[in-house]
Amino acid sequence: MTFLIALTLFVLAVFLGVELITKVPPTLHTPLMSGSNAISGITLIGAIATAGTDYSWLTNILVLGAVALATINVVGGFLVTHRMLGMFNRKR
């Protein structure tokens, strides 16, 4: 029963996330990306903290996926932010 509740929550979160992102106007994508990177940082810390516990193998696989995806999002966000800030530098 717990797995069914977790699966339902996951599917609902995916659906809600897709609906939310598709409804955001282009002018708000940069602030939304900034907030998303902050949330990914929190996800990364939580996943690393969970990795040290002794749960099932499924938990370890999900933690590995969470760490990989959150790391990609955080690093990508920093790279995009660095590139955006570089656009405001004066040309020499």
N, C-alpha and C. Protein backbone atom coordinates (compact mmCIF):
# COMPACT_ATOMS: atom_id res chain seq x y z
N MET A 1 0.82 -1.19 0.00
CA MET A 1 0.00 0.00 0.00
C MET A 1 0.87 1.26 0.00
N THR A 2 1.98 1.25 0.69
CA THR A 2 2.86 2.40 0.75
C THR A 2 3.45 2.71 -0.62
N PHE A 3 3.81 1.66 -1.36
CA PHE A 3 4.36 1.85 -2.70
C PHE A 3 3.34 2.50 -3.62
N LEU A 4 2.09 2.11 -3.50
CA LEU A 4 1.04 2.68 -4.33
C LEU A 4 0.85 4.17 -4.03
N ILE A 5 0.91 4.53 -2.77
CA ILE A 5 0.79 5.94 -2.39
C ILE A 5 1.98 6.73 -2.91
N ALA A 6 3.18 6.18 -2.79
CA ALA A 6 4.37 6.87 -3.28
C ALA A 6 4.34 7.01 -4.79
N LEU A 7 3.90 5.98 -5.49
CA LEU A 7 3.81 6.05 -6.94
C LEU A 7 2.78 7.08 -7.38
N THR A 8 1.64 7.12 -6.70
CA THR A 8 0.61 8.11 -7.02
C THR A 8 1.13 9.52 -6.78
N LEU A 9 1.83 9.74 -5.69
CA LEU A 9 2.41 11.04 -5.40
C LEU A 9 3.44 11.45 -6.44
N PHE A 10 4.25 10.49 -6.87
CA PHE A 10 5.27 10.77 -7.90
C PHE A 10 4.62 11.16 -9.23
N VAL A 11 3.63 10.41 -9.65
CA VAL A 11 2.95 10.72 -10.92
C VAL A 11 2.26 12.07 -10.84
N LEU A 12 1.64 12.37 -9.72
CA LEU A 12 1.00 13.66 -9.54
C LEU A 12 2.01 14.80 -9.57
N ALA A 13 3.17 14.60 -8.96
CA ALA A 13 4.22 15.63 -8.96
C ALA A 13 4.76 15.86 -10.36
N VAL A 14 4.94 14.79 -11.14
CA VAL A 14 5.42 14.94 -12.51
C VAL A 14 4.40 15.70 -13.34
N PHE A 15 3.14 15.33 -13.24
CA PHE A 15 2.08 16.01 -13.99
C PHE A 15 1.99 17.48 -13.61
N LEU A 16 2.02 17.76 -12.32
CA LEU A 16 1.95 19.14 -11.85
C LEU A 16 3.15 19.95 -12.31
N GLY A 17 4.34 19.35 -12.26
CA GLY A 17 5.55 20.05 -12.71
C GLY A 17 5.52 20.39 -14.18
N VAL A 18 5.07 19.45 -15.01
CA VAL A 18 4.98 19.71 -16.45
C VAL A 18 3.96 20.80 -16.72
N GLU A 19 2.82 20.74 -16.08
CA GLU A 19 1.79 21.76 -16.28
C GLU A 19 2.28 23.14 -15.83
N LEU A 20 3.00 23.19 -14.73
CA LEU A 20 3.50 24.46 -14.22
C LEU A 20 4.53 25.08 -15.16
N ILE A 21 5.46 24.28 -15.63
CA ILE A 21 6.54 24.79 -16.48
C ILE A 21 5.99 25.25 -17.84
N THR A 22 5.03 24.53 -18.39
CA THR A 22 4.51 24.92 -19.70
C THR A 22 3.67 26.19 -19.64
N LYS A 23 3.18 26.56 -18.48
CA LYS A 23 2.35 27.76 -18.34
C LYS A 23 3.15 29.01 -17.99
N VAL A 24 4.44 28.89 -17.77
CA VAL A 24 5.27 30.04 -17.38
C VAL A 24 5.65 30.84 -18.63
N PRO A 25 5.41 32.16 -18.61
CA PRO A 25 5.81 32.97 -19.77
C PRO A 25 7.34 33.06 -19.87
N PRO A 26 7.85 33.28 -21.08
CA PRO A 26 9.31 33.29 -21.28
C PRO A 26 10.06 34.32 -20.43
N THR A 27 9.40 35.42 -20.05
CA THR A 27 10.10 36.44 -19.26
C THR A 27 10.39 35.98 -17.84
N LEU A 28 9.72 34.94 -17.39
CA LEU A 28 9.93 34.46 -16.02
C LEU A 28 10.81 33.21 -15.95
N HIS A 29 11.35 32.76 -17.09
CA HIS A 29 12.15 31.53 -17.06
C HIS A 29 13.43 31.69 -16.27
N THR A 30 14.10 32.84 -16.34
CA THR A 30 15.35 33.02 -15.61
C THR A 30 15.15 33.01 -14.10
N PRO A 31 14.17 33.75 -13.54
CA PRO A 31 13.95 33.64 -12.09
C PRO A 31 13.48 32.24 -11.68
N LEU A 32 12.71 31.60 -12.54
CA LEU A 32 12.25 30.24 -12.22
C LEU A 32 13.42 29.27 -12.22
N MET A 33 14.36 29.46 -13.15
CA MET A 33 15.53 28.61 -13.18
C MET A 33 16.39 28.81 -11.94
N SER A 34 16.47 30.04 -11.47
CA SER A 34 17.22 30.32 -10.26
C SER A 34 16.61 29.60 -9.06
N GLY A 35 15.29 29.66 -8.95
CA GLY A 35 14.62 28.93 -7.87
C GLY A 35 14.76 27.44 -8.01
N SER A 36 14.73 26.96 -9.25
CA SER A 36 14.89 25.53 -9.50
C SER A 36 16.28 25.05 -9.09
N ASN A 37 17.29 25.88 -9.33
CA ASN A 37 18.64 25.50 -8.92
C ASN A 37 18.76 25.44 -7.40
N ALA A 38 18.09 26.34 -6.71
CA ALA A 38 18.11 26.30 -5.24
C ALA A 38 17.43 25.04 -4.73
N ILE A 39 16.32 24.68 -5.34
CA ILE A 39 15.61 23.46 -4.94
C ILE A 39 16.46 22.23 -5.26
N SER A 40 17.16 22.25 -6.39
CA SER A 40 18.02 21.13 -6.74
C SER A 40 19.18 20.99 -5.76
N GLY A 41 19.67 22.11 -5.26
CA GLY A 41 20.71 22.04 -4.24
C GLY A 41 20.20 21.38 -2.97
N ILE A 42 18.98 21.71 -2.59
CA ILE A 42 18.37 21.08 -1.41
C ILE A 42 18.15 19.59 -1.67
N THR A 43 17.70 19.26 -2.88
CA THR A 43 17.51 17.86 -3.25
C THR A 43 18.82 17.10 -3.18
N LEU A 44 19.88 17.73 -3.65
CA LEU A 44 21.20 17.10 -3.63
C LEU A 44 21.65 16.81 -2.20
N ILE A 45 21.47 17.75 -1.31
CA ILE A 45 21.86 17.55 0.09
C ILE A 45 21.01 16.45 0.73
N GLY A 46 19.70 16.47 0.46
CA GLY A 46 18.83 15.43 1.01
C GLY A 46 19.15 14.05 0.47
N ALA A 47 19.48 13.96 -0.81
CA ALA A 47 19.82 12.66 -1.39
C ALA A 47 21.13 12.13 -0.84
N ILE A 48 22.09 13.00 -0.65
CA ILE A 48 23.37 12.56 -0.08
C ILE A 48 23.17 12.11 1.37
N ALA A 49 22.33 12.82 2.12
CA ALA A 49 22.05 12.42 3.50
C ALA A 49 21.32 11.08 3.55
N THR A 50 20.44 10.83 2.60
CA THR A 50 19.70 9.57 2.55
C THR A 50 20.59 8.43 2.10
N ALA A 51 21.63 8.73 1.33
CA ALA A 51 22.51 7.67 0.81
C ALA A 51 23.21 6.93 1.94
N GLY A 52 23.41 7.56 3.07
CA GLY A 52 24.11 6.92 4.16
C GLY A 52 23.24 5.99 5.00
N THR A 53 21.95 5.95 4.74
CA THR A 53 21.06 5.11 5.53
C THR A 53 20.97 3.71 4.92
N ASP A 54 20.44 2.80 5.69
CA ASP A 54 20.35 1.40 5.24
C ASP A 54 18.90 1.05 4.91
N TYR A 55 18.45 1.55 3.75
CA TYR A 55 17.12 1.22 3.25
C TYR A 55 17.24 0.15 2.19
N SER A 56 16.23 -0.02 1.39
CA SER A 56 16.24 -1.07 0.37
C SER A 56 17.09 -0.66 -0.83
N TRP A 57 17.30 -1.60 -1.74
CA TRP A 57 18.08 -1.34 -2.94
C TRP A 57 17.37 -0.33 -3.84
N LEU A 58 16.04 -0.31 -3.80
CA LEU A 58 15.28 0.65 -4.60
C LEU A 58 15.57 2.08 -4.14
N THR A 59 15.69 2.26 -2.84
CA THR A 59 16.02 3.58 -2.30
C THR A 59 17.40 4.02 -2.77
N ASN A 60 18.34 3.10 -2.77
CA ASN A 60 19.69 3.45 -3.23
C ASN A 60 19.71 3.83 -4.71
N ILE A 61 18.92 3.15 -5.52
CA ILE A 61 18.85 3.48 -6.95
C ILE A 61 18.20 4.86 -7.14
N LEU A 62 17.13 5.13 -6.40
CA LEU A 62 16.47 6.43 -6.50
C LEU A 62 17.38 7.56 -6.00
N VAL A 63 18.15 7.28 -4.95
CA VAL A 63 19.10 8.28 -4.45
C VAL A 63 20.18 8.56 -5.50
N LEU A 64 20.66 7.53 -6.15
CA LEU A 64 21.67 7.71 -7.20
C LEU A 64 21.11 8.57 -8.34
N GLY A 65 19.88 8.28 -8.74
CA GLY A 65 19.24 9.09 -9.78
C GLY A 65 19.03 10.53 -9.34
N ALA A 66 18.61 10.73 -8.09
CA ALA A 66 18.39 12.09 -7.58
C ALA A 66 19.69 12.87 -7.53
N VAL A 67 20.75 12.22 -7.09
CA VAL A 67 22.05 12.90 -7.03
C VAL A 67 22.53 13.26 -8.43
N ALA A 68 22.38 12.36 -9.37
CA ALA A 68 22.84 12.63 -10.74
C ALA A 68 22.04 13.78 -11.37
N LEU A 69 20.72 13.72 -11.29
CA LEU A 69 19.90 14.76 -11.92
C LEU A 69 20.04 16.11 -11.23
N ALA A 70 20.10 16.12 -9.91
CA ALA A 70 20.26 17.38 -9.20
C ALA A 70 21.63 18.00 -9.48
N THR A 71 22.65 17.18 -9.58
CA THR A 71 23.99 17.69 -9.89
C THR A 71 24.02 18.30 -11.28
N ILE A 72 23.40 17.62 -12.25
CA ILE A 72 23.34 18.15 -13.61
C ILE A 72 22.62 19.50 -13.61
N ASN A 73 21.52 19.60 -12.89
CA ASN A 73 20.75 20.84 -12.86
C ASN A 73 21.53 21.97 -12.19
N VAL A 74 22.19 21.69 -11.08
CA VAL A 74 22.94 22.73 -10.37
C VAL A 74 24.13 23.21 -11.21
N VAL A 75 24.89 22.29 -11.77
CA VAL A 75 26.05 22.67 -12.58
C VAL A 75 25.60 23.41 -13.84
N GLY A 76 24.54 22.92 -14.48
CA GLY A 76 24.02 23.61 -15.66
C GLY A 76 23.53 25.01 -15.33
N GLY A 77 22.90 25.16 -14.18
CA GLY A 77 22.43 26.48 -13.76
C GLY A 77 23.58 27.45 -13.53
N PHE A 78 24.66 26.95 -12.92
CA PHE A 78 25.82 27.82 -12.72
C PHE A 78 26.46 28.20 -14.05
N LEU A 79 26.52 27.26 -14.99
CA LEU A 79 27.11 27.57 -16.29
C LEU A 79 26.28 28.59 -17.06
N VAL A 80 24.96 28.43 -17.02
CA VAL A 80 24.08 29.38 -17.71
C VAL A 80 24.17 30.76 -17.04
N THR A 81 24.20 30.79 -15.72
CA THR A 81 24.33 32.06 -15.01
C THR A 81 25.65 32.74 -15.34
N HIS A 82 26.73 31.97 -15.39
CA HIS A 82 28.04 32.53 -15.74
C HIS A 82 28.02 33.10 -17.15
N ARG A 83 27.38 32.41 -18.07
CA ARG A 83 27.30 32.91 -19.44
C ARG A 83 26.44 34.17 -19.52
N MET A 84 25.34 34.20 -18.78
CA MET A 84 24.49 35.39 -18.79
C MET A 84 25.22 36.59 -18.20
N LEU A 85 25.96 36.39 -17.12
CA LEU A 85 26.72 37.48 -16.53
C LEU A 85 27.83 37.95 -17.46
N GLY A 86 28.39 37.05 -18.25
CA GLY A 86 29.40 37.41 -19.22
C GLY A 86 28.89 38.31 -20.33
N MET A 87 27.59 38.26 -20.58
CA MET A 87 26.99 39.13 -21.60
C MET A 87 27.01 40.59 -21.17
N PHE A 88 27.13 40.85 -19.87
CA PHE A 88 27.13 42.22 -19.38
C PHE A 88 28.52 42.81 -19.22
N ASN A 89 29.55 42.03 -19.49
CA ASN A 89 30.93 42.54 -19.44
C ASN A 89 31.19 43.46 -20.62
N ARG A 90 32.04 44.45 -20.37
CA ARG A 90 32.42 45.35 -21.45
C ARG A 90 33.37 44.66 -22.39
N LYS A 91 33.24 44.95 -23.65
CA LYS A 91 34.17 44.40 -24.66
C LYS A 91 35.49 45.15 -24.58
N ARG A 92 36.60 44.45 -24.72
CA ARG A 92 37.91 45.10 -24.64
C ARG A 92 38.39 45.52 -26.00
